[in-house]
Protein backbone atom coordinates (compact mmCIF):
# COMPACT_ATOMS: atom_id res chain seq x y z
CA UNK A 1 -15.01 8.11 33.43
CA UNK A 2 -13.59 6.53 30.34
CA UNK A 3 -9.96 7.48 29.92
CA UNK A 4 -7.05 6.60 27.67
CA UNK A 5 -3.42 5.80 28.21
CA UNK A 6 -0.80 7.39 25.96
CA UNK A 7 -0.94 4.53 23.44
CA UNK A 8 -4.51 5.29 22.43
CA UNK A 9 -6.05 2.19 24.00
CA UNK A 10 -9.26 2.67 25.90
CA UNK A 11 -9.18 2.31 29.66
CA UNK A 12 -12.81 2.14 30.81
CA UNK A 13 -13.50 2.40 34.54
CA UNK A 14 -15.73 -0.21 36.16
CA UNK A 15 -19.02 1.67 35.80
CA UNK A 16 -21.14 -1.14 37.19
CA UNK A 17 -20.73 -4.63 38.54
CA UNK A 18 -21.49 -7.39 36.06
CA UNK A 19 -23.27 -10.26 37.77
CA UNK A 20 -21.70 -13.56 36.78
CA UNK A 21 -24.48 -16.12 37.03
CA UNK A 22 -23.76 -19.75 37.81
CA UNK A 23 -20.58 -19.69 39.87
CA UNK A 24 -17.31 -17.92 40.39
CA UNK A 25 -14.43 -17.47 38.01
CA UNK A 26 -11.27 -19.51 38.28
CA UNK A 27 -7.97 -19.89 36.40
CA UNK A 28 -7.81 -22.44 33.61
CA UNK A 29 -5.04 -24.29 31.87
CA UNK A 30 -3.34 -22.67 28.91
CA UNK A 31 -4.42 -23.87 25.51
CA UNK A 32 -1.28 -24.42 23.47
CA UNK A 33 -2.90 -26.13 20.48
CA UNK A 34 -2.12 -24.60 17.07
CA UNK A 35 -4.85 -23.69 14.60
CA UNK A 36 -4.59 -24.69 10.94
CA UNK A 37 -4.75 -21.77 8.58
CA UNK A 38 -6.71 -23.41 5.80
CA UNK A 39 -9.35 -21.78 3.63
CA UNK A 40 -11.96 -24.09 5.10
CA UNK A 41 -10.96 -23.03 8.62
CA UNK A 42 -11.28 -19.36 7.66
CA UNK A 43 -14.77 -19.93 6.33
CA UNK A 44 -15.72 -21.80 9.51
CA UNK A 45 -14.35 -18.98 11.69
CA UNK A 46 -16.23 -16.33 9.71
CA UNK A 47 -19.45 -18.31 10.00
CA UNK A 48 -18.95 -18.67 13.76
CA UNK A 49 -18.90 -14.89 14.17
CA UNK A 50 -22.36 -14.54 12.71
CA UNK A 51 -23.91 -17.71 14.16
CA UNK A 52 -26.12 -17.22 17.24
CA UNK A 53 -24.49 -17.99 20.58
CA UNK A 54 -25.56 -21.29 22.08
CA UNK A 55 -27.12 -20.38 25.44
CA UNK A 56 -28.10 -23.91 26.50
CA UNK A 57 -28.01 -23.80 30.34
CA UNK A 58 -26.40 -27.26 30.40
CA UNK A 59 -23.56 -26.19 28.08
CA UNK A 60 -20.43 -25.16 30.01
CA UNK A 61 -18.11 -24.85 27.02
CA UNK A 62 -16.19 -21.59 26.47
CA UNK A 63 -17.81 -18.95 24.27
CA UNK A 64 -15.35 -17.01 22.09
CA UNK A 65 -17.45 -13.89 21.70
CA UNK A 66 -19.87 -11.75 23.67
CA UNK A 67 -22.76 -9.80 22.18
CA UNK A 68 -24.19 -6.69 23.79
CA UNK A 69 -27.32 -5.68 21.94
CA UNK A 70 -26.16 -5.88 18.30
CA UNK A 71 -22.43 -5.36 18.93
CA UNK A 72 -20.01 -8.26 19.29
CA UNK A 73 -16.53 -8.52 20.79
CA UNK A 74 -14.10 -11.44 20.50
CA UNK A 75 -12.48 -12.85 23.63
CA UNK A 76 -8.96 -12.26 22.30
CA UNK A 77 -9.73 -8.60 21.53
CA UNK A 78 -10.24 -7.79 25.19
CA UNK A 79 -6.46 -8.11 25.63
CA UNK A 80 -5.61 -5.50 22.98
CA UNK A 81 -3.21 -3.05 24.56
CA UNK A 82 -2.55 -5.28 27.57
CA UNK A 83 0.39 -7.38 26.36
CA UNK A 84 2.94 -5.32 28.27
CA UNK A 85 0.82 -5.55 31.42
CA UNK A 86 0.62 -9.33 31.14
CA UNK A 87 4.34 -9.72 30.44
CA UNK A 88 5.33 -7.56 33.41
CA UNK A 89 2.96 -9.42 35.71
CA UNK A 90 4.25 -12.78 34.47
CA UNK A 91 7.80 -11.67 35.33
CA UNK A 92 6.89 -10.31 38.77
CA UNK A 93 4.89 -13.30 40.04
CA UNK A 94 7.00 -16.30 40.98
CA UNK A 95 4.25 -18.93 41.05
CA UNK A 96 2.28 -19.86 37.93
CA UNK A 97 -0.89 -20.19 40.05
CA UNK A 98 -0.53 -16.55 41.12
CA UNK A 99 -0.29 -15.43 37.52
CA UNK A 100 -3.32 -17.50 36.52
CA UNK A 101 -5.31 -15.97 39.39
CA UNK A 102 -4.27 -12.49 38.23
CA UNK A 103 -5.32 -13.26 34.65
CA UNK A 104 -8.71 -14.56 35.82
CA UNK A 105 -9.36 -11.46 37.93
CA UNK A 106 -8.15 -9.12 35.18
CA UNK A 107 -10.32 -10.86 32.59
CA UNK A 108 -13.42 -10.37 34.76
CA UNK A 109 -12.63 -6.65 35.05
CA UNK A 110 -12.09 -6.32 31.29
CA UNK A 111 -15.47 -7.92 30.63
CA UNK A 112 -17.14 -5.51 33.08
CA UNK A 113 -15.41 -2.54 31.46
CA UNK A 114 -16.24 -3.67 27.94
CA UNK A 115 -19.93 -4.10 28.67
CA UNK A 116 -20.01 -0.60 30.17
CA UNK A 117 -18.20 0.87 27.17
CA UNK A 118 -20.45 -0.89 24.65
CA UNK A 119 -23.67 0.11 26.38
CA UNK A 120 -22.63 3.75 26.68
CA UNK A 121 -21.33 3.94 23.12
CA UNK A 122 -24.52 2.45 21.71
CA UNK A 123 -26.64 4.88 23.71
CA UNK A 124 -24.42 7.80 22.75
CA UNK A 125 -24.48 6.91 19.05
CA UNK A 126 -28.26 7.22 18.99
CA UNK A 127 -27.96 10.86 20.12
CA UNK A 128 -25.08 11.80 17.85
CA UNK A 129 -25.79 14.40 15.18
CA UNK A 130 -24.20 14.05 11.75
CA UNK A 131 -22.22 17.29 12.05
CA UNK A 132 -20.48 15.92 15.12
CA UNK A 133 -18.66 13.39 12.93
CA UNK A 134 -16.20 15.97 11.57
CA UNK A 135 -15.38 17.17 15.08
CA UNK A 136 -14.73 13.60 16.16
CA UNK A 137 -12.40 13.00 13.21
CA UNK A 138 -10.50 16.18 14.01
CA UNK A 139 -10.17 15.12 17.66
CA UNK A 140 -8.91 11.65 16.72
CA UNK A 141 -6.39 13.09 14.23
CA UNK A 142 -5.11 15.47 16.90
CA UNK A 143 -4.78 12.75 19.53
CA UNK A 144 -2.91 10.45 17.14
CA UNK A 145 -0.50 13.28 16.26
CA UNK A 146 0.03 14.01 19.96
CA UNK A 147 0.77 10.36 20.77
CA UNK A 148 3.16 10.01 17.82
CA UNK A 149 4.98 13.23 18.72
CA UNK A 150 5.24 12.79 22.48
CA UNK A 151 5.75 9.04 22.77
CA UNK A 152 7.21 7.85 19.47
CA UNK A 153 9.66 10.51 18.37
CA UNK A 154 7.29 11.96 15.78
CA UNK A 155 7.46 8.77 13.69
CA UNK A 156 4.08 7.25 12.91
CA UNK A 157 5.69 4.00 11.77
CA UNK A 158 7.24 3.61 15.21
CA UNK A 159 3.79 4.05 16.78
CA UNK A 160 2.33 1.49 14.37
CA UNK A 161 5.05 -0.98 15.33
CA UNK A 162 4.24 -0.44 18.99
CA UNK A 163 0.55 -1.08 18.31
CA UNK A 164 1.51 -4.22 16.40
CA UNK A 165 3.48 -5.44 19.43
CA UNK A 166 0.27 -5.05 21.44
CA UNK A 167 -1.75 -7.02 18.91
CA UNK A 168 -3.48 -3.93 17.56
CA UNK A 169 -3.43 -1.63 14.55
CA UNK A 170 -3.60 2.09 13.92
CA UNK A 171 -7.17 1.75 12.72
CA UNK A 172 -8.18 -0.05 15.92
CA UNK A 173 -6.53 2.66 18.02
CA UNK A 174 -8.41 5.31 16.02
CA UNK A 175 -11.66 3.43 16.58
CA UNK A 176 -11.09 3.33 20.33
CA UNK A 177 -10.26 7.03 20.45
CA UNK A 178 -13.42 7.77 18.50
CA UNK A 179 -15.50 5.71 20.91
CA UNK A 180 -13.97 7.54 23.87
CA UNK A 181 -14.83 10.90 22.37
CA UNK A 182 -18.42 9.89 21.68
CA UNK A 183 -18.91 8.42 25.18
CA UNK A 184 -17.34 11.40 26.93
CA UNK A 185 -19.45 13.83 24.94
CA UNK A 186 -22.62 11.89 25.70
CA UNK A 187 -21.92 11.76 29.45
CA UNK A 188 -21.07 15.46 29.58
CA UNK A 189 -24.30 16.31 27.77
CA UNK A 190 -26.73 13.84 29.34
CA UNK A 191 -25.42 13.21 32.85
CA UNK A 192 -23.20 16.08 33.93
CA UNK A 193 -25.95 18.76 33.81
CA UNK A 194 -27.96 16.73 36.32
CA UNK A 195 -25.24 17.02 38.98
CA UNK A 196 -26.29 19.72 41.44
CA UNK A 197 -23.76 22.12 42.94
CA UNK A 198 -22.94 21.11 46.53
CA UNK A 199 -23.99 23.34 49.40
CA UNK A 200 -21.48 24.71 51.89
CA UNK A 201 -22.79 22.38 54.59
CA UNK A 202 -22.31 19.37 52.29
CA UNK A 203 -18.74 20.42 51.56
CA UNK A 204 -18.04 20.99 55.24
CA UNK A 205 -19.40 17.52 56.07
CA UNK A 206 -17.22 16.01 53.34
CA UNK A 207 -14.19 17.84 54.74
CA UNK A 208 -14.80 16.66 58.30
CA UNK A 209 -15.35 13.04 57.26
CA UNK A 210 -12.19 12.99 55.12
CA UNK A 211 -9.91 15.30 57.07
CA UNK A 212 -7.06 12.75 56.99
CA UNK A 213 -7.12 12.71 53.18
CA UNK A 214 -6.24 16.40 53.05
CA UNK A 215 -3.24 16.06 55.34
CA UNK A 216 0.09 15.67 53.61
CA UNK A 217 3.10 14.49 55.59
CA UNK A 218 6.51 15.98 54.96
CA UNK A 219 8.31 14.34 52.05
CA UNK A 220 11.79 14.43 50.56
CA UNK A 221 13.23 13.70 47.15
CA UNK A 222 16.48 11.75 47.14
CA UNK A 223 19.62 11.33 45.09
CA UNK A 224 21.87 8.42 45.92
CA UNK A 225 25.43 7.28 45.24
CA UNK A 226 25.33 3.51 45.58
CA UNK A 227 28.58 1.51 45.63
CA UNK A 228 27.95 -2.25 45.71
CA UNK A 229 30.52 -4.75 46.91
CA UNK A 230 29.18 -7.47 44.59
CA UNK A 231 29.89 -5.31 41.54
CA UNK A 232 33.57 -5.11 42.44
CA UNK A 233 34.20 -8.86 42.73
CA UNK A 234 36.11 -10.61 39.93
CA UNK A 235 33.72 -11.33 37.08
CA UNK A 236 34.64 -15.02 36.78
CA UNK A 237 34.07 -15.85 40.46
CA UNK A 238 30.85 -17.62 41.47
CA UNK A 239 31.74 -18.28 45.11
CA UNK A 240 34.11 -15.53 46.32
CA UNK A 241 36.51 -16.25 49.14
CA UNK A 242 36.65 -14.21 52.33
CA UNK A 243 39.75 -12.46 51.03
CA UNK A 244 38.05 -11.54 47.75
CA UNK A 245 35.02 -10.17 49.59
CA UNK A 246 37.26 -8.14 51.89
CA UNK A 247 39.20 -6.72 48.94
CA UNK A 248 35.96 -5.77 47.14
CA UNK A 249 34.62 -4.08 50.29
CA UNK A 250 37.81 -2.09 50.71
CA UNK A 251 37.66 -0.98 47.08
CA UNK A 252 33.98 0.00 47.52
CA UNK A 253 34.86 2.02 50.60
CA UNK A 254 37.68 3.74 48.76
CA UNK A 255 35.31 4.70 45.94
CA UNK A 256 32.62 6.11 48.24
CA UNK A 257 35.26 8.11 50.11
CA UNK A 258 36.52 9.55 46.80
CA UNK A 259 32.94 10.42 45.80
CA UNK A 260 32.32 12.07 49.17
CA UNK A 261 35.49 14.14 48.86
CA UNK A 262 34.51 15.42 45.40
CA UNK A 263 31.03 16.39 46.61
CA UNK A 264 32.45 18.20 49.65
CA UNK A 265 34.81 20.10 47.35
CA UNK A 266 31.86 21.46 45.40
CA UNK A 267 31.42 18.94 42.58
CA UNK A 268 27.88 18.34 41.34
CA UNK A 269 26.32 15.41 43.20
CA UNK A 270 24.65 14.26 39.96
CA UNK A 271 27.93 14.27 38.03
CA UNK A 272 29.72 12.37 40.80
CA UNK A 273 26.87 9.84 40.90
CA UNK A 274 27.15 9.29 37.14
CA UNK A 275 30.85 8.43 37.51
CA UNK A 276 30.82 6.44 40.73
CA UNK A 277 27.37 5.03 41.44
CA UNK A 278 26.21 1.56 40.48
CA UNK A 279 22.78 0.54 39.22
CA UNK A 280 20.33 1.87 36.65
CA UNK A 281 19.80 5.23 38.39
CA UNK A 282 23.44 6.22 37.99
CA UNK A 283 22.68 7.43 34.45
CA UNK A 284 20.10 9.83 35.97
CA UNK A 285 22.65 11.30 38.36
CA UNK A 286 21.43 9.03 41.15
CA UNK A 287 18.03 10.76 41.25
CA UNK A 288 15.21 8.76 42.87
CA UNK A 289 12.60 11.49 43.17
CA UNK A 290 10.13 11.48 46.07
CA UNK A 291 10.61 8.44 48.28
CA UNK A 292 9.05 6.97 51.41
CA UNK A 293 10.11 3.93 53.48
CA UNK A 294 7.29 1.81 52.01
CA UNK A 295 8.10 2.72 48.39
CA UNK A 296 11.55 1.10 48.19
CA UNK A 297 13.20 -2.27 48.67
CA UNK A 298 14.69 -3.25 52.04
CA UNK A 299 18.27 -2.78 50.83
CA UNK A 300 17.70 0.97 50.46
CA UNK A 301 15.93 1.49 53.81
CA UNK A 302 19.08 2.86 55.52
CA UNK A 303 19.35 5.52 52.82
CA UNK A 304 15.76 6.68 53.35
CA UNK A 305 16.24 6.63 57.13
CA UNK A 306 19.23 8.97 56.70
CA UNK A 307 17.25 11.12 54.27
CA UNK A 308 14.67 11.85 57.00
CA UNK A 309 17.32 13.78 58.94
CA UNK A 310 18.50 15.96 56.03
CA UNK A 311 17.37 19.37 54.91
CA UNK A 312 17.12 20.42 51.28
CA UNK A 313 20.56 20.32 49.65
CA UNK A 314 22.26 18.48 52.51
CA UNK A 315 24.36 15.33 51.99
CA UNK A 316 24.66 12.50 54.50
CA UNK A 317 27.79 10.91 55.92
CA UNK A 318 28.85 7.62 54.37
CA UNK A 319 26.39 4.82 55.19
CA UNK A 320 27.70 1.26 55.36
CA UNK A 321 25.43 -1.73 54.77
CA UNK A 322 26.12 -5.45 54.27
CA UNK A 323 25.83 -4.91 50.49
CA UNK A 324 28.01 -1.82 50.22
CA UNK A 325 27.98 1.95 50.83
CA UNK A 326 25.59 4.87 50.28
CA UNK A 327 25.92 8.63 50.06
CA UNK A 328 22.52 10.33 50.28
CA UNK A 329 21.46 13.81 49.19
CA UNK A 330 18.14 15.48 49.99
CA UNK A 331 17.24 17.24 46.75
CA UNK A 332 14.00 18.85 47.89
CA UNK A 333 11.94 19.04 51.07
CA UNK A 334 8.19 19.61 51.18
CA UNK A 335 6.99 20.40 54.71
CA UNK A 336 3.94 18.75 56.16
CA UNK A 337 0.64 20.34 55.19
CA UNK A 338 -2.68 20.35 56.99
CA UNK A 339 -4.91 22.79 55.10
CA UNK A 340 -8.05 24.26 56.61
CA UNK A 341 -11.53 24.01 55.10
CA UNK A 342 -11.28 27.31 53.27
CA UNK A 343 -8.04 26.30 51.54
CA UNK A 344 -9.29 22.96 50.22
CA UNK A 345 -12.82 24.09 49.37
CA UNK A 346 -12.20 24.19 45.57
CA UNK A 347 -10.76 20.66 45.64
CA UNK A 348 -13.59 19.52 47.89
CA UNK A 349 -16.11 20.83 45.43
CA UNK A 350 -14.41 19.06 42.53
CA UNK A 351 -14.18 15.84 44.54
CA UNK A 352 -17.84 16.04 45.56
CA UNK A 353 -19.07 16.70 42.02
CA UNK A 354 -16.93 13.90 40.58
CA UNK A 355 -18.25 11.47 43.20
CA UNK A 356 -21.89 12.33 42.46
CA UNK A 357 -21.18 12.28 38.71
CA UNK A 358 -19.69 8.77 38.93
CA UNK A 359 -22.63 7.58 41.03
CA UNK A 360 -25.05 8.88 38.41
CA UNK A 361 -23.07 7.19 35.64
CA UNK A 362 -23.20 3.92 37.60
CA UNK A 363 -26.98 4.27 38.04
CA UNK A 364 -27.41 5.08 34.36
CA UNK A 365 -25.36 2.04 33.41
CA UNK A 366 -27.31 -0.17 35.78
CA UNK A 367 -30.50 0.91 34.05
CA UNK A 368 -29.03 0.25 30.61
CA UNK A 369 -27.74 -3.13 31.82
CA UNK A 370 -31.15 -4.33 33.01
CA UNK A 371 -32.66 -3.61 29.59
CA UNK A 372 -29.75 -4.90 27.50
CA UNK A 373 -29.58 -8.18 25.59
CA UNK A 374 -26.26 -9.75 26.49
CA UNK A 375 -25.10 -13.16 25.32
CA UNK A 376 -24.02 -15.55 26.60
CA UNK A 377 -26.38 -15.18 29.52
CA UNK A 378 -23.88 -17.05 31.69
CA UNK A 379 -20.91 -14.76 31.25
CA UNK A 380 -18.48 -17.13 32.95
CA UNK A 381 -18.44 -19.05 29.64
CA UNK A 382 -17.09 -15.98 27.88
CA UNK A 383 -14.77 -15.33 30.81
CA UNK A 384 -13.24 -18.80 30.33
CA UNK A 385 -12.46 -17.92 26.72
CA UNK A 386 -10.98 -14.54 27.68
CA UNK A 387 -8.67 -16.19 30.21
CA UNK A 388 -7.59 -18.77 27.63
CA UNK A 389 -6.85 -15.98 25.13
CA UNK A 390 -4.32 -14.48 27.56
CA UNK A 391 -2.26 -17.67 27.29
CA UNK A 392 -2.52 -17.87 23.51
CA UNK A 393 0.88 -16.98 22.00
CA UNK A 394 -0.92 -15.17 19.20
CA UNK A 395 -2.91 -13.08 21.66
CA UNK A 396 -0.68 -12.34 24.60
CA UNK A 397 2.15 -13.28 26.91
CA UNK A 398 2.54 -16.92 27.93
CA UNK A 399 3.37 -18.27 31.35
């Protein structure tokens, strides 16, 4: 199903696999050349948008736009709304080659999603009655107001600045919301009625084949007071001596003991964490929410191990690690759950219908895809341009 994030950018699921003829995708070097903003260049660029795409099989040069039927999309526009994603990925991947591989894979997915969106929107637009237009406008207005209110403090200008930071505009966000509404309405009208209600035997078979998915292990939410030795070293010391490390550890131990004493005397764990704990979560009263051993960094593994032995509301003894000291509180405990067939039957039905619905959408898209005119025929040429656009400082984050 086509969905949206809270910024108003479309997030289309991969409805069908796009076959990339002529080889696999690979990362390319960033193009750091600067364009000249002359009047002649503007005229040339405008002419390029309307000129037919050169589909010479021997031509391997990048193609800056893709046409699906009569609708065209620019390579750089596929990254609208993805600047933050690129920046975060660039920061998290140490090797440039890893980032380039991520960009290449992401670009292929964006092309797949865009083709699906364009085909469905074109098909949906043919069925759209004129009176539906007012309903669509009302929906878009409502969604924009909701986004502005919930995510941008009720200030439209703040939302517009956010869109600008993503390389987009309010009008482009409105257009994407409109397209989502049209596509969703079309699928609900044309595809959803064809999904048959599952029989009890089908649901039972689905339950038996996915029994593990319905099991839920016990889980605990955690609050943590974290006193780090490194944070108590003198600020101007790059290579602390053994004596300085020992003094910092003793001070850290003194602080965790003081925090423990306050908690035992009835002080709020959250308030104590705000005053004593180190790290970004101190401002939240040390709250981590639901945690599991595989959801946290190695440094915090002793805290989660201690959490496993606590009941709701209980606080651990002081935990000492090479980096410092922890005090752990179990905020909430959810016991393990293994529901029977009768209990999960409503969810099973929803899951079954959604699965069949998505399969029918994929089949519908496959049919549309076989009849569609898509240029360039060798989509890896457009993919090359999309990857290059991710490294363009005017289009996205750079690596």
